[in-house]
């Protein structure tokens, strides 16, 4: 039985990856310190004999006794509301945490895949974004702590690959959605759906002409799975290239949820990207991968998940603290 360590295991994407690798017959060790993860995301796995959990901060030394075949490094705050509140932790998990896990991969002779992001590209001047685009990032702006943590993460990963011969993979993840997203994490899909469920107007920042491209979580997990098992070490975009403006997306959510609220507009935050769309030509060529779930289907599944939340979860006070970064 192959053994895999997944950091950020109690997070949205990390928990879905745990599910997938258990389904594929792996023994999964999940690791998380719950700084942004949620225990309920992995509660269904705790009695599974092929799953074990370690509560640990990856920025601290990782004392792992068992053999390992693979490591997935998904530990990191990933939404603006998080990395604006905990900027130092965000930088540390991208630097110290990645260093620790690359060292573990070297010691265990394990292949490691690190989760990078479309934020690498910043507010892009090239559209759609290809893997050879260097990006347009403000290093000292409010998003810089996340963008630069991920850019450093890619650099140290490639250094371990070229200098130490560690088998590395890098996935650049574009906007992903689905069940287990945190309703109060400041991203546009849970923000809009939460506002609709609470009977609030939907808030769009700027004039709504900025675009995003949304990939359903099952498609994202499939792309990550294929990339891990590939023989390609450089970054690969995994996302859905179907682009939509935030304004049009707000109208889609109103139609989906059957609510009567209006859309209101507020000032655009600093460095909010105006366009975000992956070029997935490389993923198609290398992995034979492209997204299968259309947005209408994925959004219905996601909305049904949010509708199942308790009233306490729906009205958590944190949902008021978006600090203007709802459009990620």
Protein backbone atom coordinates (compact mmCIF):
# COMPACT_ATOMS: atom_id res chain seq x y z
CA UNK A 1 0.00 0.00 0.00
CA UNK A 2 1.42 3.38 -1.06
CA UNK A 3 1.77 5.95 1.73
CA UNK A 4 1.05 9.65 1.31
CA UNK A 5 1.27 12.65 3.64
CA UNK A 6 -1.21 15.47 2.94
CA UNK A 7 -0.66 18.76 4.74
CA UNK A 8 -3.57 21.14 5.11
CA UNK A 9 -5.69 18.00 5.35
CA UNK A 10 -8.56 19.65 7.23
CA UNK A 11 -8.91 22.41 4.66
CA UNK A 12 -11.35 22.58 1.78
CA UNK A 13 -9.13 21.15 -0.92
CA UNK A 14 -6.91 19.09 1.38
CA UNK A 15 -9.84 17.12 2.76
CA UNK A 16 -11.09 16.28 -0.74
CA UNK A 17 -7.59 15.07 -1.61
CA UNK A 18 -7.62 12.80 1.46
CA UNK A 19 -10.88 11.30 0.22
CA UNK A 20 -9.51 10.73 -3.26
CA UNK A 21 -6.28 9.03 -2.22
CA UNK A 22 -8.05 6.76 0.26
CA UNK A 23 -10.42 5.82 -2.56
CA UNK A 24 -7.39 5.02 -4.74
CA UNK A 25 -6.06 2.60 -2.09
CA UNK A 26 -3.42 4.73 -0.41
CA UNK A 27 -2.68 4.96 3.29
CA UNK A 28 -3.18 8.65 4.01
CA UNK A 29 -1.63 10.65 6.84
CA UNK A 30 -3.34 14.01 7.21
CA UNK A 31 -1.57 16.90 8.90
CA UNK A 32 -3.08 20.22 9.97
CA UNK A 33 -2.89 22.71 12.83
CA UNK A 34 -6.47 24.00 12.28
CA UNK A 35 -5.38 27.61 11.86
CA UNK A 36 -7.85 27.78 8.95
CA UNK A 37 -8.89 24.12 8.59
CA UNK A 38 -11.97 22.54 10.15
CA UNK A 39 -12.11 19.22 12.00
CA UNK A 40 -15.51 18.44 10.53
CA UNK A 41 -13.94 18.19 7.05
CA UNK A 42 -12.10 15.02 8.08
CA UNK A 43 -14.42 13.69 10.80
CA UNK A 44 -15.77 11.04 8.40
CA UNK A 45 -12.23 9.66 7.96
CA UNK A 46 -11.14 9.31 11.57
CA UNK A 47 -12.34 5.70 11.92
CA UNK A 48 -10.93 4.65 8.56
CA UNK A 49 -7.98 2.23 9.06
CA UNK A 50 -6.24 3.77 6.03
CA UNK A 51 -6.24 7.26 7.53
CA UNK A 52 -4.34 8.78 10.42
CA UNK A 53 -4.22 12.38 11.54
CA UNK A 54 -1.40 14.43 13.07
CA UNK A 55 -2.10 17.84 14.61
CA UNK A 56 1.06 19.73 13.71
CA UNK A 57 2.28 23.07 12.39
CA UNK A 58 4.49 22.37 9.37
CA UNK A 59 6.61 25.44 10.09
CA UNK A 60 7.99 23.46 13.04
CA UNK A 61 10.31 20.45 12.65
CA UNK A 62 8.43 17.43 11.29
CA UNK A 63 9.39 14.19 13.05
CA UNK A 64 7.83 11.55 10.80
CA UNK A 65 8.87 7.96 11.52
CA UNK A 66 7.01 6.02 8.80
CA UNK A 67 8.07 5.48 5.22
CA UNK A 68 6.52 7.78 2.61
CA UNK A 69 5.99 7.50 -1.12
CA UNK A 70 4.35 10.88 -1.71
CA UNK A 71 3.78 14.25 -0.03
CA UNK A 72 1.11 16.80 -0.97
CA UNK A 73 1.85 20.21 0.56
CA UNK A 74 -1.48 22.06 0.83
CA UNK A 75 -0.95 23.77 4.18
CA UNK A 76 -1.50 27.50 3.79
CA UNK A 77 -4.09 30.17 4.34
CA UNK A 78 -5.68 30.54 0.90
CA UNK A 79 -8.26 33.30 1.13
CA UNK A 80 -7.77 37.05 1.53
CA UNK A 81 -9.65 37.20 4.81
CA UNK A 82 -7.12 34.72 6.24
CA UNK A 83 -3.82 35.99 4.91
CA UNK A 84 -4.71 39.59 5.77
CA UNK A 85 -5.33 38.52 9.38
CA UNK A 86 -2.30 36.24 9.66
CA UNK A 87 0.31 37.58 7.23
CA UNK A 88 3.37 36.30 9.10
CA UNK A 89 1.98 32.76 9.38
CA UNK A 90 1.18 32.90 5.65
CA UNK A 91 4.77 33.78 4.79
CA UNK A 92 6.15 31.18 7.21
CA UNK A 93 4.13 28.27 5.85
CA UNK A 94 5.23 29.10 2.31
CA UNK A 95 8.88 29.36 3.30
CA UNK A 96 9.73 27.44 6.50
CA UNK A 97 6.91 24.94 6.01
CA UNK A 98 7.89 24.20 2.43
CA UNK A 99 11.55 23.90 3.45
CA UNK A 100 10.65 21.37 6.15
CA UNK A 101 8.54 19.29 3.78
CA UNK A 102 11.12 19.32 1.00
CA UNK A 103 13.67 18.14 3.56
CA UNK A 104 11.30 15.36 4.60
CA UNK A 105 10.78 14.37 0.95
CA UNK A 106 14.54 14.22 0.47
CA UNK A 107 15.03 12.11 3.60
CA UNK A 108 12.20 9.70 2.71
CA UNK A 109 13.01 9.67 -1.04
CA UNK A 110 9.39 10.64 -1.59
CA UNK A 111 7.86 12.57 -4.47
CA UNK A 112 6.39 15.90 -3.34
CA UNK A 113 3.71 18.04 -4.99
CA UNK A 114 3.35 21.60 -3.75
CA UNK A 115 0.19 23.68 -4.11
CA UNK A 116 0.96 26.94 -5.85
CA UNK A 117 -1.66 29.37 -7.07
CA UNK A 118 -2.90 31.60 -9.86
CA UNK A 119 -1.95 34.47 -7.53
CA UNK A 120 1.57 33.88 -8.86
CA UNK A 121 0.42 35.91 -11.86
CA UNK A 122 -0.82 38.84 -9.74
CA UNK A 123 -2.94 41.31 -11.73
CA UNK A 124 -1.92 39.80 -15.08
CA UNK A 125 -0.95 41.75 -18.19
CA UNK A 126 -1.15 38.55 -20.26
CA UNK A 127 -4.49 36.87 -20.88
CA UNK A 128 -5.17 33.98 -20.52
CA UNK A 129 -2.27 33.12 -18.22
CA UNK A 130 0.27 30.56 -19.40
CA UNK A 131 2.87 28.89 -17.20
CA UNK A 132 5.72 30.85 -18.82
CA UNK A 133 4.23 34.22 -17.81
CA UNK A 134 6.23 35.76 -14.95
CA UNK A 135 3.34 37.75 -13.47
CA UNK A 136 2.60 41.30 -12.32
CA UNK A 137 2.80 41.29 -8.53
CA UNK A 138 3.08 44.08 -5.97
CA UNK A 139 5.47 42.62 -3.40
CA UNK A 140 4.48 45.09 -0.66
CA UNK A 141 0.76 45.30 -1.41
CA UNK A 142 -1.93 43.68 0.76
CA UNK A 143 -1.84 40.49 -1.30
CA UNK A 144 1.97 40.36 -1.34
CA UNK A 145 2.30 38.09 1.69
CA UNK A 146 0.40 35.32 -0.11
CA UNK A 147 1.74 35.96 -3.62
CA UNK A 148 5.36 36.07 -2.52
CA UNK A 149 5.02 33.10 -0.17
CA UNK A 150 3.88 31.04 -3.15
CA UNK A 151 6.52 32.44 -5.49
CA UNK A 152 9.25 31.58 -2.96
CA UNK A 153 7.64 28.16 -2.53
CA UNK A 154 8.03 27.47 -6.24
CA UNK A 155 11.66 28.67 -6.21
CA UNK A 156 12.79 26.52 -3.29
CA UNK A 157 10.93 23.53 -4.72
CA UNK A 158 12.79 23.83 -8.03
CA UNK A 159 16.07 24.31 -6.12
CA UNK A 160 15.52 21.03 -4.28
CA UNK A 161 14.68 19.39 -7.59
CA UNK A 162 17.76 20.62 -9.44
CA UNK A 163 20.30 20.57 -6.57
CA UNK A 164 19.16 17.55 -4.53
CA UNK A 165 17.35 15.57 -7.22
CA UNK A 166 14.07 15.49 -5.26
CA UNK A 167 11.08 14.43 -7.35
CA UNK A 168 8.91 17.53 -7.31
CA UNK A 169 5.61 18.61 -8.88
CA UNK A 170 4.05 22.10 -8.84
CA UNK A 171 0.35 22.78 -9.42
CA UNK A 172 -0.86 26.33 -10.01
CA UNK A 173 -4.42 26.23 -8.73
CA UNK A 174 -7.02 28.61 -10.14
CA UNK A 175 -10.29 29.47 -8.36
CA UNK A 176 -11.80 26.23 -7.08
CA UNK A 177 -15.16 25.72 -5.41
CA UNK A 178 -17.43 23.04 -3.98
CA UNK A 179 -18.68 21.54 -0.71
CA UNK A 180 -16.61 22.23 2.44
CA UNK A 181 -15.71 25.77 1.47
CA UNK A 182 -15.91 28.06 4.49
CA UNK A 183 -18.90 30.32 4.19
CA UNK A 184 -17.01 33.20 5.84
CA UNK A 185 -13.65 32.96 4.07
CA UNK A 186 -14.10 36.02 1.87
CA UNK A 187 -14.09 34.34 -1.54
CA UNK A 188 -16.72 35.30 -4.04
CA UNK A 189 -18.73 32.04 -4.23
CA UNK A 190 -19.34 31.48 -0.50
CA UNK A 191 -19.70 35.25 -0.05
CA UNK A 192 -22.47 35.54 -2.64
CA UNK A 193 -24.21 32.35 -1.52
CA UNK A 194 -24.01 33.35 2.14
CA UNK A 195 -25.46 36.77 1.39
CA UNK A 196 -28.27 35.18 -0.61
CA UNK A 197 -29.10 32.72 2.19
CA UNK A 198 -29.09 35.51 4.79
CA UNK A 199 -31.34 37.74 2.66
CA UNK A 200 -28.63 40.35 2.14
CA UNK A 201 -27.80 42.26 -1.04
CA UNK A 202 -24.89 40.80 -3.03
CA UNK A 203 -21.74 42.93 -2.81
CA UNK A 204 -19.58 43.45 -5.90
CA UNK A 205 -16.35 45.41 -5.58
CA UNK A 206 -15.46 47.68 -8.47
CA UNK A 207 -17.78 47.85 -11.47
CA UNK A 208 -18.04 44.06 -11.76
CA UNK A 209 -16.17 43.88 -15.06
CA UNK A 210 -13.30 41.89 -13.54
CA UNK A 211 -13.35 38.22 -14.52
CA UNK A 212 -12.83 34.92 -12.76
CA UNK A 213 -12.80 31.28 -13.90
CA UNK A 214 -14.24 28.70 -11.50
CA UNK A 215 -13.21 25.02 -11.35
CA UNK A 216 -15.30 22.45 -9.49
CA UNK A 217 -13.38 20.63 -6.76
CA UNK A 218 -13.69 17.14 -8.28
CA UNK A 219 -12.08 18.38 -11.49
CA UNK A 220 -9.31 20.10 -9.54
CA UNK A 221 -8.58 16.95 -7.53
CA UNK A 222 -8.44 14.88 -10.72
CA UNK A 223 -5.90 17.27 -12.23
CA UNK A 224 -3.76 17.21 -9.09
CA UNK A 225 -3.89 13.41 -8.96
CA UNK A 226 -2.75 13.12 -12.58
CA UNK A 227 0.01 15.69 -12.11
CA UNK A 228 1.41 13.89 -9.05
CA UNK A 229 1.71 10.68 -11.05
CA UNK A 230 3.20 12.40 -14.11
CA UNK A 231 6.90 12.88 -14.83
CA UNK A 232 6.77 16.69 -15.22
CA UNK A 233 8.55 18.86 -12.63
CA UNK A 234 7.69 22.40 -13.74
CA UNK A 235 4.49 24.31 -12.84
CA UNK A 236 1.20 23.31 -14.45
CA UNK A 237 -2.03 25.35 -14.44
CA UNK A 238 -5.08 23.44 -13.23
CA UNK A 239 -8.34 25.36 -13.52
CA UNK A 240 -11.42 25.92 -15.62
CA UNK A 241 -10.85 28.34 -18.54
CA UNK A 242 -14.55 29.30 -18.77
CA UNK A 243 -14.40 33.00 -17.87
CA UNK A 244 -17.21 35.15 -16.44
CA UNK A 245 -17.43 38.71 -15.12
CA UNK A 246 -18.19 39.12 -11.43
CA UNK A 247 -21.26 41.19 -12.30
CA UNK A 248 -22.69 38.43 -14.52
CA UNK A 249 -21.78 35.85 -11.90
CA UNK A 250 -23.74 37.75 -9.25
CA UNK A 251 -26.81 37.57 -11.49
CA UNK A 252 -26.24 33.83 -11.92
CA UNK A 253 -26.23 33.38 -8.15
CA UNK A 254 -29.44 35.38 -7.74
CA UNK A 255 -31.11 33.15 -10.35
CA UNK A 256 -29.73 29.96 -8.76
CA UNK A 257 -30.77 30.88 -5.24
CA UNK A 258 -34.17 32.29 -6.19
CA UNK A 259 -33.62 35.35 -4.05
CA UNK A 260 -34.87 38.87 -4.71
CA UNK A 261 -31.90 40.84 -3.42
CA UNK A 262 -30.17 43.38 -5.60
CA UNK A 263 -26.48 43.74 -6.42
CA UNK A 264 -24.66 46.64 -4.76
CA UNK A 265 -21.27 48.02 -5.78
CA UNK A 266 -18.38 49.16 -3.56
CA UNK A 267 -14.86 50.43 -4.20
CA UNK A 268 -12.39 48.01 -5.76
CA UNK A 269 -9.69 46.80 -3.32
CA UNK A 270 -6.01 47.49 -3.94
CA UNK A 271 -4.37 45.10 -6.46
CA UNK A 272 -7.58 43.14 -7.07
CA UNK A 273 -6.86 41.23 -10.32
CA UNK A 274 -8.97 42.40 -13.26
CA UNK A 275 -8.67 39.17 -15.22
CA UNK A 276 -8.08 35.61 -14.13
CA UNK A 277 -8.27 32.78 -16.67
CA UNK A 278 -5.96 29.77 -17.00
CA UNK A 279 -4.45 28.57 -20.23
CA UNK A 280 -4.66 24.79 -19.70
CA UNK A 281 -3.00 23.71 -22.95
CA UNK A 282 -0.10 22.17 -21.02
CA UNK A 283 -2.40 20.17 -18.71
CA UNK A 284 -4.33 18.88 -21.73
CA UNK A 285 -1.12 17.84 -23.50
CA UNK A 286 0.79 16.39 -20.52
CA UNK A 287 -2.02 14.91 -18.44
CA UNK A 288 -4.92 14.45 -20.83
CA UNK A 289 -6.86 16.58 -18.33
CA UNK A 290 -9.57 19.17 -18.70
CA UNK A 291 -12.54 20.06 -16.48
CA UNK A 292 -15.74 18.02 -16.92
CA UNK A 293 -18.23 19.61 -14.49
CA UNK A 294 -20.00 22.66 -15.91
CA UNK A 295 -20.61 25.65 -13.69
CA UNK A 296 -24.40 25.23 -13.45
CA UNK A 297 -24.03 21.67 -12.11
CA UNK A 298 -21.20 22.50 -9.74
CA UNK A 299 -22.89 25.60 -8.36
CA UNK A 300 -26.09 23.70 -7.60
CA UNK A 301 -24.15 21.08 -5.62
CA UNK A 302 -22.28 23.82 -3.77
CA UNK A 303 -25.44 25.79 -2.98
CA UNK A 304 -27.13 22.65 -1.66
CA UNK A 305 -24.14 22.22 0.67
CA UNK A 306 -24.42 25.77 1.99
CA UNK A 307 -28.17 25.37 2.46
CA UNK A 308 -27.45 22.40 4.74
CA UNK A 309 -25.46 24.54 7.21
CA UNK A 310 -26.90 25.30 10.60
CA UNK A 311 -28.20 28.77 11.44
CA UNK A 312 -25.21 29.33 13.73
CA UNK A 313 -22.83 28.55 10.88
CA UNK A 314 -24.76 30.79 8.50
CA UNK A 315 -24.68 33.78 10.83
CA UNK A 316 -21.14 33.55 12.19
CA UNK A 317 -19.95 37.06 12.95
CA UNK A 318 -16.83 36.63 10.82
CA UNK A 319 -18.91 36.96 7.66
CA UNK A 320 -18.97 40.72 8.24
CA UNK A 321 -15.16 40.95 8.19
CA UNK A 322 -14.38 40.72 4.47
CA UNK A 323 -12.19 43.89 4.40
CA UNK A 324 -13.12 44.40 0.77
CA UNK A 325 -11.59 41.23 -0.66
CA UNK A 326 -14.71 39.38 -1.67
CA UNK A 327 -13.81 39.08 -5.35
CA UNK A 328 -10.91 36.63 -5.12
